Amino acid sequence: MKVALCGLGEIGQIHLRAIRESGHELVGVLELNRRLAVESVGDEVPIHTEVMEMVELTEPDVVDICLPHHLHVPIAVAALEAGADVLLEKPMAIDLAGCDEIIAAAEAFDHRVGISHNQIHFAPHRRLRELIDAGRLGQIRAIYERLWMGGKYGGWREDSSQVGGGLLMDAGVHRVYMAEYLGGPVETVTAVMDNPRAEDAFAITLGYESGAIGVIQGGYHGPDGVFDDRIEIQATEAMVEILGCEAFFEGDLEGELRLRHRIGGEWVDDPVTGHWDESVIASVQSVLADLAAGREPEVGLREGRSAVAVVEAAYRSAETGRTIRISELEERNS
């Protein structure tokens, strides 16, 4: 396939590597920072600053979008209208209306959209999903996830109007889609935040359709250098701990075991390991492989929209002090 890449920031650089290693053809890049673009691709492919120009000149099969969140909808819709499939970085959009606009365009122009929920491709997370599917954990009763950080990201990610919210809509989206990947559909959301839609700290309780309970906590208020994104599960036949896809705490944990579980009466260190950039590369290449084969991507429109729905429910809960049912959002959106 011919692939055009929009955005060469931190995550765009990993997408660039994934495309190059995938065997697909990179036919153009969209990047306003000319110096960054030249450093990234040199004279390998044309560099563009306007998306429609890039699409018209390169005629890509897939447009890969690694841009600030508020640009996801207009760029995705433009790519779909021009006849390309789309690969979108998380989140799918900054609200459900944006998700539905992308869905409508995909249906109208008969093209596919894949979402890079990269942490489902983190090897310990995949291994845990295998254990769940094999019935090794029994019934999941509780899932706890945390995202403790020391300091904010810079640039556009400090602007809530571009992010679509605060920490929850930024790095917190990883915790949301992982909660659904491991626990299944969410029915209710209850949340408290310091400043909803521009939050630096949040705590969310999820009520799963299965009857399980989930908790997600996040905050920027740790010491410098902290990024701790652990997951714990309590189930009828097992306990599980995962250190995290990007986790470190005042030191590099590269190469350390990431998954521990207590199945059959004793704690065992599972030998599976992984790293953040590997999960991104696997996610990008998985979507490209599905699109090349004419399949619906493993993480597609339904999964992307579902994660945004949980985030929106959390914002509404924090603003109103009520527990929000996901079905309420569908009623308001219909």
C-alpha atoms as a PDB file:
ATOM      1  CA  MET A   1       0.000   0.000   0.000  1.00  0.00           C
ATOM      2  CA  LYS A   2       0.911   3.656  -0.386  1.00  0.00           C
ATOM      3  CA  VAL A   3       0.890   5.440   2.999  1.00  0.00           C
ATOM      4  CA  ALA A   4       0.964   9.177   3.729  1.00  0.00           C
ATOM      5  CA  LEU A   5       1.940  10.266   7.239  1.00  0.00           C
ATOM      6  CA  CYS A   6       0.585  13.393   8.939  1.00  0.00           C
ATOM      7  CA  GLY A   7       2.774  14.665  11.794  1.00  0.00           C
ATOM      8  CA  LEU A   8       6.385  13.910  12.702  1.00  0.00           C
ATOM      9  CA  GLY A   9       6.388  14.648  16.429  1.00  0.00           C
ATOM     10  CA  GLU A  10       7.301  12.077  19.079  1.00  0.00           C
ATOM     11  CA  ILE A  11       4.598   9.574  18.183  1.00  0.00           C
ATOM     12  CA  GLY A  12       4.898  10.377  14.473  1.00  0.00           C
ATOM     13  CA  GLN A  13       8.535   9.320  14.566  1.00  0.00           C
ATOM     14  CA  ILE A  14       7.533   5.881  15.828  1.00  0.00           C
ATOM     15  CA  HIS A  15       4.835   5.622  13.144  1.00  0.00           C
ATOM     16  CA  LEU A  16       7.465   6.593  10.557  1.00  0.00           C
ATOM     17  CA  ARG A  17       9.685   3.744  11.726  1.00  0.00           C
ATOM     18  CA  ALA A  18       6.751   1.319  11.723  1.00  0.00           C
ATOM     19  CA  ILE A  19       5.777   2.234   8.150  1.00  0.00           C
ATOM     20  CA  ARG A  20       9.363   1.909   6.925  1.00  0.00           C
ATOM     21  CA  GLU A  21       9.690  -1.527   8.541  1.00  0.00           C
ATOM     22  CA  SER A  22       6.271  -2.719   7.331  1.00  0.00           C
ATOM     23  CA  GLY A  23       7.147  -3.045   3.648  1.00  0.00           C
ATOM     24  CA  HIS A  24       4.512  -0.506   2.626  1.00  0.00           C
ATOM     25  CA  GLU A  25       5.495   2.567   0.616  1.00  0.00           C
ATOM     26  CA  LEU A  26       5.738   5.964   2.314  1.00  0.00           C
ATOM     27  CA  VAL A  27       4.620   8.392  -0.406  1.00  0.00           C
ATOM     28  CA  GLY A  28       4.423  11.693   1.491  1.00  0.00           C
ATOM     29  CA  VAL A  29       4.539  13.426   4.853  1.00  0.00           C
ATOM     30  CA  LEU A  30       2.593  16.375   6.215  1.00  0.00           C
ATOM     31  CA  GLU A  31       4.636  18.536   8.615  1.00  0.00           C
ATOM     32  CA  LEU A  32       4.682  22.293   9.229  1.00  0.00           C
ATOM     33  CA  ASN A  33       8.144  22.195  10.804  1.00  0.00           C
ATOM     34  CA  ARG A  34      10.297  22.025   7.688  1.00  0.00           C
ATOM     35  CA  ARG A  35      13.515  21.393   9.604  1.00  0.00           C
ATOM     36  CA  LEU A  36      11.982  18.465  11.479  1.00  0.00           C
ATOM     37  CA  ALA A  37      10.592  17.034   8.255  1.00  0.00           C
ATOM     38  CA  VAL A  38      13.934  17.219   6.447  1.00  0.00           C
ATOM     39  CA  GLU A  39      15.731  15.662   9.429  1.00  0.00           C
ATOM     40  CA  SER A  40      13.149  12.852   9.454  1.00  0.00           C
ATOM     41  CA  VAL A  41      12.805  11.928   5.769  1.00  0.00           C
ATOM     42  CA  GLY A  42      15.390  14.013   3.881  1.00  0.00           C
ATOM     43  CA  ASP A  43      14.640  13.766   0.172  1.00  0.00           C
ATOM     44  CA  GLU A  44      13.140  10.301   0.593  1.00  0.00           C
ATOM     45  CA  VAL A  45       9.550  11.493   0.052  1.00  0.00           C
ATOM     46  CA  PRO A  46       7.793  14.794  -0.714  1.00  0.00           C
ATOM     47  CA  ILE A  47       7.105  17.065   2.277  1.00  0.00           C
ATOM     48  CA  HIS A  48       3.756  18.848   2.364  1.00  0.00           C
ATOM     49  CA  THR A  49       2.107  21.481   4.560  1.00  0.00           C
ATOM     50  CA  GLU A  50      -1.472  21.101   3.284  1.00  0.00           C
ATOM     51  CA  VAL A  51      -3.340  17.825   3.592  1.00  0.00           C
ATOM     52  CA  MET A  52      -5.478  17.993   0.448  1.00  0.00           C
ATOM     53  CA  GLU A  53      -2.459  18.872  -1.657  1.00  0.00           C
ATOM     54  CA  MET A  54      -0.629  15.868  -0.236  1.00  0.00           C
ATOM     55  CA  VAL A  55      -3.538  13.516  -0.861  1.00  0.00           C
ATOM     56  CA  GLU A  56      -4.152  14.770  -4.411  1.00  0.00           C
ATOM     57  CA  LEU A  57      -0.491  14.518  -5.400  1.00  0.00           C
ATOM     58  CA  THR A  58       0.408  11.229  -3.690  1.00  0.00           C
ATOM     59  CA  GLU A  59      -2.915   9.327  -3.981  1.00  0.00           C
ATOM     60  CA  PRO A  60      -2.304   7.273  -0.822  1.00  0.00           C
ATOM     61  CA  ASP A  61      -4.189   4.118   0.085  1.00  0.00           C
ATOM     62  CA  VAL A  62      -3.889   5.046   3.769  1.00  0.00           C
ATOM     63  CA  VAL A  63      -3.496   8.362   5.569  1.00  0.00           C
ATOM     64  CA  ASP A  64      -1.820   7.947   8.979  1.00  0.00           C
ATOM     65  CA  ILE A  65      -2.743  10.824  11.329  1.00  0.00           C
ATOM     66  CA  CYS A  66      -0.427  11.729  14.237  1.00  0.00           C
ATOM     67  CA  LEU A  67      -1.636  15.278  14.860  1.00  0.00           C
ATOM     68  CA  PRO A  68      -3.096  17.146  17.880  1.00  0.00           C
ATOM     69  CA  HIS A  69      -6.421  15.667  18.889  1.00  0.00           C
ATOM     70  CA  HIS A  70      -8.598  18.547  17.691  1.00  0.00           C
ATOM     71  CA  LEU A  71      -7.354  17.972  14.112  1.00  0.00           C
ATOM     72  CA  HIS A  72      -8.300  14.297  13.961  1.00  0.00           C
ATOM     73  CA  VAL A  73     -11.823  14.812  12.651  1.00  0.00           C
ATOM     74  CA  PRO A  74     -11.214  17.297   9.800  1.00  0.00           C
ATOM     75  CA  ILE A  75      -8.118  15.478   8.530  1.00  0.00           C
ATOM     76  CA  ALA A  76      -9.706  12.023   8.799  1.00  0.00           C
ATOM     77  CA  VAL A  77     -12.871  13.148   7.014  1.00  0.00           C
ATOM     78  CA  ALA A  78     -10.846  14.827   4.263  1.00  0.00           C
ATOM     79  CA  ALA A  79      -8.790  11.659   3.749  1.00  0.00           C
ATOM     80  CA  LEU A  80     -11.892   9.464   3.623  1.00  0.00           C
ATOM     81  CA  GLU A  81     -13.579  11.817   1.144  1.00  0.00           C
ATOM     82  CA  ALA A  82     -10.451  11.656  -1.027  1.00  0.00           C
ATOM     83  CA  GLY A  83     -10.669   7.858  -1.198  1.00  0.00           C
ATOM     84  CA  ALA A  84      -8.166   6.703   1.427  1.00  0.00           C
ATOM     85  CA  ASP A  85      -8.438   4.485   4.467  1.00  0.00           C
ATOM     86  CA  VAL A  86      -7.333   6.101   7.737  1.00  0.00           C
ATOM     87  CA  LEU A  87      -5.066   5.197  10.644  1.00  0.00           C
ATOM     88  CA  LEU A  88      -5.679   7.480  13.642  1.00  0.00           C
ATOM     89  CA  GLU A  89      -3.637   7.928  16.773  1.00  0.00           C
ATOM     90  CA  LYS A  90      -5.643   7.835  20.002  1.00  0.00           C
ATOM     91  CA  PRO A  91      -8.097   9.272  20.855  1.00  0.00           C
ATOM     92  CA  MET A  92     -10.362   8.846  17.857  1.00  0.00           C
ATOM     93  CA  ALA A  93     -11.781  12.354  18.428  1.00  0.00           C
ATOM     94  CA  ILE A  94     -12.229  14.824  21.284  1.00  0.00           C
ATOM     95  CA  ASP A  95     -15.950  14.074  21.645  1.00  0.00           C
ATOM     96  CA  LEU A  96     -18.665  11.694  20.497  1.00  0.00           C
ATOM     97  CA  ALA A  97     -19.923  14.111  17.844  1.00  0.00           C
ATOM     98  CA  GLY A  98     -16.477  13.993  16.249  1.00  0.00           C
ATOM     99  CA  CYS A  99     -16.419  10.197  16.410  1.00  0.00           C
ATOM    100  CA  ASP A 100     -19.794  10.051  14.705  1.00  0.00           C
ATOM    101  CA  GLU A 101     -18.627  12.446  11.990  1.00  0.00           C
ATOM    102  CA  ILE A 102     -15.734  10.115  11.168  1.00  0.00           C
ATOM    103  CA  ILE A 103     -18.048   7.083  11.256  1.00  0.00           C
ATOM    104  CA  ALA A 104     -20.499   8.781   8.878  1.00  0.00           C
ATOM    105  CA  ALA A 105     -17.689   9.635   6.442  1.00  0.00           C
ATOM    106  CA  ALA A 106     -16.284   6.099   6.565  1.00  0.00           C
ATOM    107  CA  GLU A 107     -19.717   4.669   5.783  1.00  0.00           C
ATOM    108  CA  ALA A 108     -20.497   7.235   3.082  1.00  0.00           C
ATOM    109  CA  PHE A 109     -17.236   6.677   1.202  1.00  0.00           C
ATOM    110  CA  ASP A 110     -16.913   2.953   2.012  1.00  0.00           C
ATOM    111  CA  HIS A 111     -13.495   3.108   3.632  1.00  0.00           C
ATOM    112  CA  ARG A 112     -12.023   1.718   6.838  1.00  0.00           C
ATOM    113  CA  VAL A 113     -10.593   3.428   9.898  1.00  0.00           C
ATOM    114  CA  GLY A 114      -8.171   1.900  12.398  1.00  0.00           C
ATOM    115  CA  ILE A 115      -7.282   3.446  15.750  1.00  0.00           C
ATOM    116  CA  SER A 116      -3.847   3.035  17.330  1.00  0.00           C
ATOM    117  CA  HIS A 117      -4.684   1.873  20.850  1.00  0.00           C
ATOM    118  CA  ASN A 118      -1.082   0.771  21.094  1.00  0.00           C
ATOM    119  CA  GLN A 119      -1.061  -0.561  24.648  1.00  0.00           C
ATOM    120  CA  ILE A 120      -3.203  -3.551  23.691  1.00  0.00           C
ATOM    121  CA  HIS A 121      -0.118  -4.627  21.706  1.00  0.00           C
ATOM    122  CA  PHE A 122       2.170  -4.396  24.746  1.00  0.00           C
ATOM    123  CA  ALA A 123       3.313  -8.007  25.181  1.00  0.00           C
ATOM    124  CA  PRO A 124       2.360  -8.381  28.896  1.00  0.00           C
ATOM    125  CA  HIS A 125      -1.099  -6.973  28.131  1.00  0.00           C
ATOM    126  CA  ARG A 126      -1.563  -9.459  25.284  1.00  0.00           C
ATOM    127  CA  ARG A 127      -0.393 -12.272  27.547  1.00  0.00           C
ATOM    128  CA  LEU A 128      -2.891 -11.214  30.213  1.00  0.00           C
ATOM    129  CA  ARG A 129      -5.703 -11.168  27.648  1.00  0.00           C
ATOM    130  CA  GLU A 130      -4.710 -14.719  26.670  1.00  0.00           C
ATOM    131  CA  LEU A 131      -4.974 -15.812  30.318  1.00  0.00           C
ATOM    132  CA  ILE A 132      -8.412 -14.182  30.582  1.00  0.00           C
ATOM    133  CA  ASP A 133      -9.647 -15.808  27.353  1.00  0.00           C
ATOM    134  CA  ALA A 134      -8.367 -19.191  28.542  1.00  0.00           C
ATOM    135  CA  GLY A 135     -10.366 -18.875  31.769  1.00  0.00           C
ATOM    136  CA  ARG A 136      -7.245 -18.961  33.942  1.00  0.00           C
ATOM    137  CA  LEU A 137      -8.350 -15.986  36.061  1.00  0.00           C
ATOM    138  CA  GLY A 138     -11.913 -17.094  36.678  1.00  0.00           C
ATOM    139  CA  GLN A 139     -14.310 -14.185  36.966  1.00  0.00           C
ATOM    140  CA  ILE A 140     -12.768 -10.719  37.092  1.00  0.00           C
ATOM    141  CA  ARG A 141     -14.116  -8.799  40.089  1.00  0.00           C
ATOM    142  CA  ALA A 142     -11.959  -5.658  40.158  1.00  0.00           C
ATOM    143  CA  ILE A 143      -9.491  -3.828  37.910  1.00  0.00           C
ATOM    144  CA  TYR A 144      -7.290  -1.037  39.238  1.00  0.00           C
ATOM    145  CA  GLU A 145      -5.238   1.180  36.946  1.00  0.00           C
ATOM    146  CA  ARG A 146      -3.089   4.171  37.769  1.00  0.00           C
ATOM    147  CA  LEU A 147      -1.314   6.876  35.834  1.00  0.00           C
ATOM    148  CA  TRP A 148       0.976   8.828  38.155  1.00  0.00           C
ATOM    149  CA  MET A 149       3.167  11.373  36.431  1.00  0.00           C
ATOM    150  CA  GLY A 150       5.686  14.010  37.415  1.00  0.00           C
ATOM    151  CA  GLY A 151       4.976  17.125  35.360  1.00  0.00           C
ATOM    152  CA  LYS A 152       3.019  17.839  32.194  1.00  0.00           C
ATOM    153  CA  TYR A 153       3.978  17.282  28.609  1.00  0.00           C
ATOM    154  CA  GLY A 154       4.892  20.463  26.776  1.00  0.00           C
ATOM    155  CA  GLY A 155       3.655  22.034  23.551  1.00  0.00           C
ATOM    156  CA  TRP A 156       0.123  21.597  22.315  1.00  0.00           C
ATOM    157  CA  ARG A 157      -0.573  19.003  25.015  1.00  0.00           C
ATOM    158  CA  GLU A 158      -0.756  21.799  27.594  1.00  0.00           C
ATOM    159  CA  ASP A 159      -3.688  23.349  25.674  1.00  0.00           C
ATOM    160  CA  SER A 160      -6.940  21.688  26.721  1.00  0.00           C
ATOM    161  CA  SER A 161      -8.719  23.055  23.629  1.00  0.00           C
ATOM    162  CA  GLN A 162      -6.355  21.038  21.409  1.00  0.00           C
ATOM    163  CA  VAL A 163      -6.270  17.973  23.663  1.00  0.00           C
ATOM    164  CA  GLY A 164     -10.037  17.932  24.211  1.00  0.00           C
ATOM    165  CA  GLY A 165      -9.541  17.860  27.984  1.00  0.00           C
ATOM    166  CA  GLY A 166      -6.781  17.400  30.514  1.00  0.00           C
ATOM    167  CA  LEU A 167      -4.757  14.374  31.594  1.00  0.00           C
ATOM    168  CA  LEU A 168      -7.688  11.981  31.129  1.00  0.00           C
ATOM    169  CA  MET A 169      -8.129  12.823  27.434  1.00  0.00           C
ATOM    170  CA  ASP A 170      -4.383  12.799  26.918  1.00  0.00           C
ATOM    171  CA  ALA A 171      -2.349   9.903  28.365  1.00  0.00           C
ATOM    172  CA  GLY A 172      -5.382   8.809  30.388  1.00  0.00           C
ATOM    173  CA  VAL A 173      -7.108   7.473  27.278  1.00  0.00           C
ATOM    174  CA  HIS A 174      -4.649   4.558  27.372  1.00  0.00           C
ATOM    175  CA  ARG A 175      -6.025   3.622  30.801  1.00  0.00           C
ATOM    176  CA  VAL A 176      -9.599   3.833  29.502  1.00  0.00           C
ATOM    177  CA  TYR A 177      -9.223   1.563  26.491  1.00  0.00           C
ATOM    178  CA  MET A 178      -7.124  -0.861  28.529  1.00  0.00           C
ATOM    179  CA  ALA A 179      -9.917  -1.010  31.124  1.00  0.00           C
ATOM    180  CA  GLU A 180     -12.303  -2.058  28.337  1.00  0.00           C
ATOM    181  CA  TYR A 181      -9.793  -4.417  26.685  1.00  0.00           C
ATOM    182  CA  LEU A 182      -9.356  -6.328  29.940  1.00  0.00           C
ATOM    183  CA  GLY A 183     -12.766  -5.964  31.573  1.00  0.00           C
ATOM    184  CA  GLY A 184     -15.232  -5.686  28.720  1.00  0.00           C
ATOM    185  CA  PRO A 185     -18.028  -3.157  28.156  1.00  0.00           C
ATOM    186  CA  VAL A 186     -18.513  -0.378  30.705  1.00  0.00           C
ATOM    187  CA  GLU A 187     -22.034   0.390  31.872  1.00  0.00           C
ATOM    188  CA  THR A 188     -21.619   3.251  34.394  1.00  0.00           C
ATOM    189  CA  VAL A 189     -19.008   5.913  35.165  1.00  0.00           C
ATOM    190  CA  THR A 190     -18.550   7.963  38.344  1.00  0.00           C
ATOM    191  CA  ALA A 191     -15.741  10.511  38.501  1.00  0.00           C
ATOM    192  CA  VAL A 192     -14.167  13.283  40.542  1.00  0.00           C
ATOM    193  CA  MET A 193     -11.613  15.726  39.116  1.00  0.00           C
ATOM    194  CA  ASP A 194      -9.857  18.890  40.161  1.00  0.00           C
ATOM    195  CA  ASN A 195     -10.912  20.779  37.007  1.00  0.00           C
ATOM    196  CA  PRO A 196     -13.020  18.737  34.554  1.00  0.00           C
ATOM    197  CA  ARG A 197     -11.960  19.058  30.887  1.00  0.00           C
ATOM    198  CA  ALA A 198      -8.685  20.676  31.963  1.00  0.00           C
ATOM    199  CA  GLU A 199      -7.912  18.239  34.785  1.00  0.00           C
ATOM    200  CA  ASP A 200      -4.536  17.618  36.377  1.00  0.00           C
ATOM    201  CA  ALA A 201      -5.905  14.843  38.606  1.00  0.00           C
ATOM    202  CA  PHE A 202      -8.855  12.456  38.426  1.00  0.00           C
ATOM    203  CA  ALA A 203     -10.349   9.351  39.990  1.00  0.00           C
ATOM    204  CA  ILE A 204     -12.918   7.275  38.099  1.00  0.00           C
ATOM    205  CA  THR A 205     -15.023   4.303  39.124  1.00  0.00           C
ATOM    206  CA  LEU A 206     -16.303   2.060  36.340  1.00  0.00           C
ATOM    207  CA  GLY A 207     -19.250  -0.284  36.597  1.00  0.00           C
ATOM    208  CA  TYR A 208     -18.810  -3.079  34.060  1.00  0.00           C
ATOM    209  CA  GLU A 209     -21.683  -4.911  32.380  1.00  0.00           C
ATOM    210  CA  SER A 210     -20.170  -8.077  33.860  1.00  0.00           C
ATOM    211  CA  GLY A 211     -20.695  -6.771  37.399  1.00  0.00           C
ATOM    212  CA  ALA A 212     -16.994  -6.094  37.970  1.00  0.00           C
ATOM    213  CA  ILE A 213     -15.767  -2.761  39.318  1.00  0.00           C
ATOM    214  CA  GLY A 214     -12.912  -0.723  37.865  1.00  0.00           C
ATOM    215  CA  VAL A 215     -10.936   2.191  39.262  1.00  0.00           C
ATOM    216  CA  ILE A 216      -8.669   4.517  37.273  1.00  0.00           C
ATOM    217  CA  GLN A 217      -6.606   7.160  39.069  1.00  0.00           C
ATOM    218  CA  GLY A 218      -4.345   9.698  37.421  1.00  0.00           C
ATOM    219  CA  GLY A 219      -2.418  12.809  38.359  1.00  0.00           C
ATOM    220  CA  TYR A 220       0.446  15.038  37.272  1.00  0.00           C
ATOM    221  CA  HIS A 221       1.591  15.708  40.838  1.00  0.00           C
ATOM    222  CA  GLY A 222       4.426  13.201  41.286  1.00  0.00           C
ATOM    223  CA  PRO A 223       8.120  14.088  41.503  1.00  0.00           C
ATOM    224  CA  ASP A 224      10.029  14.873  38.311  1.00  0.00           C
ATOM    225  CA  GLY A 225      10.702  11.854  36.136  1.00  0.00           C
ATOM    226  CA  VAL A 226       7.739   9.767  37.287  1.00  0.00           C
ATOM    227  CA  PHE A 227       5.566   7.873  34.821  1.00  0.00           C
ATOM    228  CA  ASP A 228       3.850   4.977  36.563  1.00  0.00           C
ATOM    229  CA  ASP A 229       1.013   3.246  34.691  1.00  0.00           C
ATOM    230  CA  ARG A 230       0.428   0.014  36.616  1.00  0.00           C
ATOM    231  CA  ILE A 231      -2.508  -2.375  36.378  1.00  0.00           C
ATOM    232  CA  GLU A 232      -3.826  -4.799  39.005  1.00  0.00           C
ATOM    233  CA  ILE A 233      -6.624  -7.353  38.708  1.00  0.00           C
ATOM    234  CA  GLN A 234      -8.531  -9.270  41.365  1.00  0.00           C
ATOM    235  CA  ALA A 235     -10.382 -12.324  40.072  1.00  0.00           C
ATOM    236  CA  THR A 236     -11.963 -15.420  41.590  1.00  0.00           C
ATOM    237  CA  GLU A 237      -9.031 -17.669  40.613  1.00  0.00           C
ATOM    238  CA  ALA A 238      -6.119 -15.242  40.371  1.00  0.00           C
ATOM    239  CA  MET A 239      -4.430 -11.967  41.207  1.00  0.00           C
ATOM    240  CA  VAL A 240      -2.410 -10.106  38.577  1.00  0.00           C
ATOM    241  CA  GLU A 241       0.062  -7.199  38.602  1.00  0.00           C
ATOM    242  CA  ILE A 242       1.491  -5.478  35.529  1.00  0.00           C
ATOM    243  CA  LEU A 243       4.220  -2.920  36.013  1.00  0.00           C
ATOM    244  CA  GLY A 244       3.082  -0.925  32.999  1.00  0.00           C
ATOM    245  CA  CYS A 245       3.748  -0.170  29.369  1.00  0.00           C
ATOM    246  CA  GLU A 246       5.727   3.007  30.067  1.00  0.00           C
ATOM    247  CA  ALA A 247       6.215   2.667  33.814  1.00  0.00           C
ATOM    248  CA  PHE A 248       9.287   3.807  35.652  1.00  0.00           C
ATOM    249  CA  PHE A 249       9.674   5.386  39.060  1.00  0.00           C
ATOM    250  CA  GLU A 250      12.845   7.359  39.744  1.00  0.00           C
ATOM    251  CA  GLY A 251      14.813   4.978  37.556  1.00  0.00           C
ATOM    252  CA  ASP A 252      14.745   3.024  34.324  1.00  0.00           C
ATOM    253  CA  LEU A 253      12.941  -0.307  34.558  1.00  0.00           C
ATOM    254  CA  GLU A 254      13.944  -1.372  31.051  1.00  0.00           C
ATOM    255  CA  GLY A 255      14.284  -5.136  30.853  1.00  0.00           C
ATOM    256  CA  GLU A 256      12.606  -5.892  34.186  1.00  0.00           C
ATOM    257  CA  LEU A 257       9.783  -8.409  34.384  1.00  0.00           C
ATOM    258  CA  ARG A 258       6.458  -6.706  33.824  1.00  0.00           C
ATOM    259  CA  LEU A 259       3.800  -9.342  34.607  1.00  0.00           C
ATOM    260  CA  ARG A 260       3.222 -11.235  37.877  1.00  0.00           C
ATOM    261  CA  HIS A 261       0.248 -13.435  38.639  1.00  0.00           C
ATOM    262  CA  ARG A 262      -0.989 -15.633  41.441  1.00  0.00           C
ATOM    263  CA  ILE A 263      -2.714 -18.593  39.813  1.00  0.00           C
ATOM    264  CA  GLY A 264      -2.899 -21.871  41.679  1.00  0.00           C
ATOM    265  CA  GLY A 265      -1.745 -20.598  45.040  1.00  0.00           C
ATOM    266  CA  GLU A 266       1.610 -18.945  44.367  1.00  0.00           C
ATOM    267  CA  TRP A 267       2.984 -15.785  42.797  1.00  0.00           C
ATOM    268  CA  VAL A 268       4.800 -16.372  39.480  1.00  0.00           C
ATOM    269  CA  ASP A 269       6.875 -13.947  37.419  1.00  0.00           C
ATOM    270  CA  ASP A 270       5.791 -14.365  33.824  1.00  0.00           C
ATOM    271  CA  PRO A 271       8.838 -14.023  31.538  1.00  0.00           C
ATOM    272  CA  VAL A 272       7.061 -11.887  28.932  1.00  0.00           C
ATOM    273  CA  THR A 273       8.479  -8.360  28.611  1.00  0.00           C
ATOM    274  CA  GLY A 274       7.914  -5.427  26.312  1.00  0.00           C
ATOM    275  CA  HIS A 275       8.436  -1.737  25.731  1.00  0.00           C
ATOM    276  CA  TRP A 276       6.338   1.235  24.728  1.00  0.00           C
ATOM    277  CA  ASP A 277       7.813   1.847  21.281  1.00  0.00           C
ATOM    278  CA  GLU A 278       7.448  -1.835  20.404  1.00  0.00           C
ATOM    279  CA  SER A 279       3.739  -1.621  21.224  1.00  0.00           C
ATOM    280  CA  VAL A 280       3.312   1.423  18.967  1.00  0.00           C
ATOM    281  CA  ILE A 281       5.101  -0.265  16.069  1.00  0.00           C
ATOM    282  CA  ALA A 282       3.007  -3.413  16.517  1.00  0.00           C
ATOM    283  CA  SER A 283      -0.185  -1.356  16.647  1.00  0.00           C
ATOM    284  CA  VAL A 284       0.604   0.594  13.468  1.00  0.00           C
ATOM    285  CA  GLN A 285       1.654  -2.514  11.577  1.00  0.00           C
ATOM    286  CA  SER A 286      -1.422  -4.423  12.756  1.00  0.00           C
ATOM    287  CA  VAL A 287      -3.752  -1.741  11.391  1.00  0.00           C
ATOM    288  CA  LEU A 288      -1.839  -1.514   8.107  1.00  0.00           C
ATOM    289  CA  ALA A 289      -1.931  -5.312   7.698  1.00  0.00           C
ATOM    290  CA  ASP A 290      -5.681  -5.388   8.307  1.00  0.00           C
ATOM    291  CA  LEU A 291      -6.306  -2.543   5.854  1.00  0.00           C
ATOM    292  CA  ALA A 292      -4.086  -4.165   3.215  1.00  0.00           C
ATOM    293  CA  ALA A 293      -6.055  -7.400   3.564  1.00  0.00           C
ATOM    294  CA  GLY A 294      -9.412  -5.616   3.366  1.00  0.00           C
ATOM    295  CA  ARG A 295     -10.256  -6.566   6.957  1.00  0.00           C
ATOM    296  CA  GLU A 296     -11.799  -4.421   9.643  1.00  0.00           C
ATOM    297  CA  PRO A 297      -8.944  -3.404  11.978  1.00  0.00           C
ATOM    298  CA  GLU A 298      -8.711  -5.107  15.352  1.00  0.00           C
ATOM    299  CA  VAL A 299      -9.196  -1.664  16.910  1.00  0.00           C
ATOM    300  CA  GLY A 300     -11.634   0.179  14.715  1.00  0.00           C
ATOM    301  CA  LEU A 301     -14.472   2.663  14.852  1.00  0.00           C
ATOM    302  CA  ARG A 302     -16.469   0.870  17.545  1.00  0.00           C
ATOM    303  CA  GLU A 303     -13.532   0.544  19.938  1.00  0.00           C
ATOM    304  CA  GLY A 304     -12.321   4.080  19.302  1.00  0.00           C
ATOM    305  CA  ARG A 305     -15.752   5.561  19.921  1.00  0.00           C
ATOM    306  CA  SER A 306     -16.298   3.452  23.048  1.00  0.00           C
ATOM    307  CA  ALA A 307     -13.166   4.849  24.731  1.00  0.00           C
ATOM    308  CA  VAL A 308     -14.251   8.416  23.971  1.00  0.00           C
ATOM    309  CA  ALA A 309     -17.712   7.640  25.388  1.00  0.00           C
ATOM    310  CA  VAL A 310     -16.194   6.557  28.725  1.00  0.00           C
ATOM    311  CA  VAL A 311     -14.101   9.750  28.869  1.00  0.00           C
ATOM    312  CA  GLU A 312     -17.143  11.890  28.071  1.00  0.00           C
ATOM    313  CA  ALA A 313     -19.170  10.109  30.744  1.00  0.00           C
ATOM    314  CA  ALA A 314     -16.375  10.789  33.249  1.00  0.00           C
ATOM    315  CA  TYR A 315     -16.397  14.502  32.428  1.00  0.00           C
ATOM    316  CA  ARG A 316     -20.162  14.717  32.782  1.00  0.00           C
ATOM    317  CA  SER A 317     -20.040  12.836  36.078  1.00  0.00           C
ATOM    318  CA  ALA A 318     -17.351  15.149  37.487  1.00  0.00           C
ATOM    319  CA  GLU A 319     -19.333  18.201  36.367  1.00  0.00           C
ATOM    320  CA  THR A 320     -22.693  17.057  37.728  1.00  0.00           C
ATOM    321  CA  GLY A 321     -21.785  14.871  40.708  1.00  0.00           C
ATOM    322  CA  ARG A 322     -23.851  12.034  39.253  1.00  0.00           C
ATOM    323  CA  THR A 323     -23.108   8.542  38.087  1.00  0.00           C
ATOM    324  CA  ILE A 324     -23.465   8.542  34.289  1.00  0.00           C
ATOM    325  CA  ARG A 325     -24.732   5.556  32.363  1.00  0.00           C
ATOM    326  CA  ILE A 326     -23.116   5.076  28.956  1.00  0.00           C
ATOM    327  CA  SER A 327     -26.618   4.565  27.562  1.00  0.00           C
ATOM    328  CA  GLU A 328     -27.449   8.173  28.538  1.00  0.00           C
ATOM    329  CA  LEU A 329     -24.816   9.431  26.112  1.00  0.00           C
ATOM    330  CA  GLU A 330     -26.339   7.392  23.291  1.00  0.00           C
ATOM    331  CA  GLU A 331     -29.774   8.845  24.038  1.00  0.00           C
ATOM    332  CA  ARG A 332     -28.416  12.407  23.963  1.00  0.00           C
ATOM    333  CA  ASN A 333     -26.469  11.717  20.780  1.00  0.00           C
ATOM    334  CA  SER A 334     -29.381  10.160  18.913  1.00  0.00           C
END
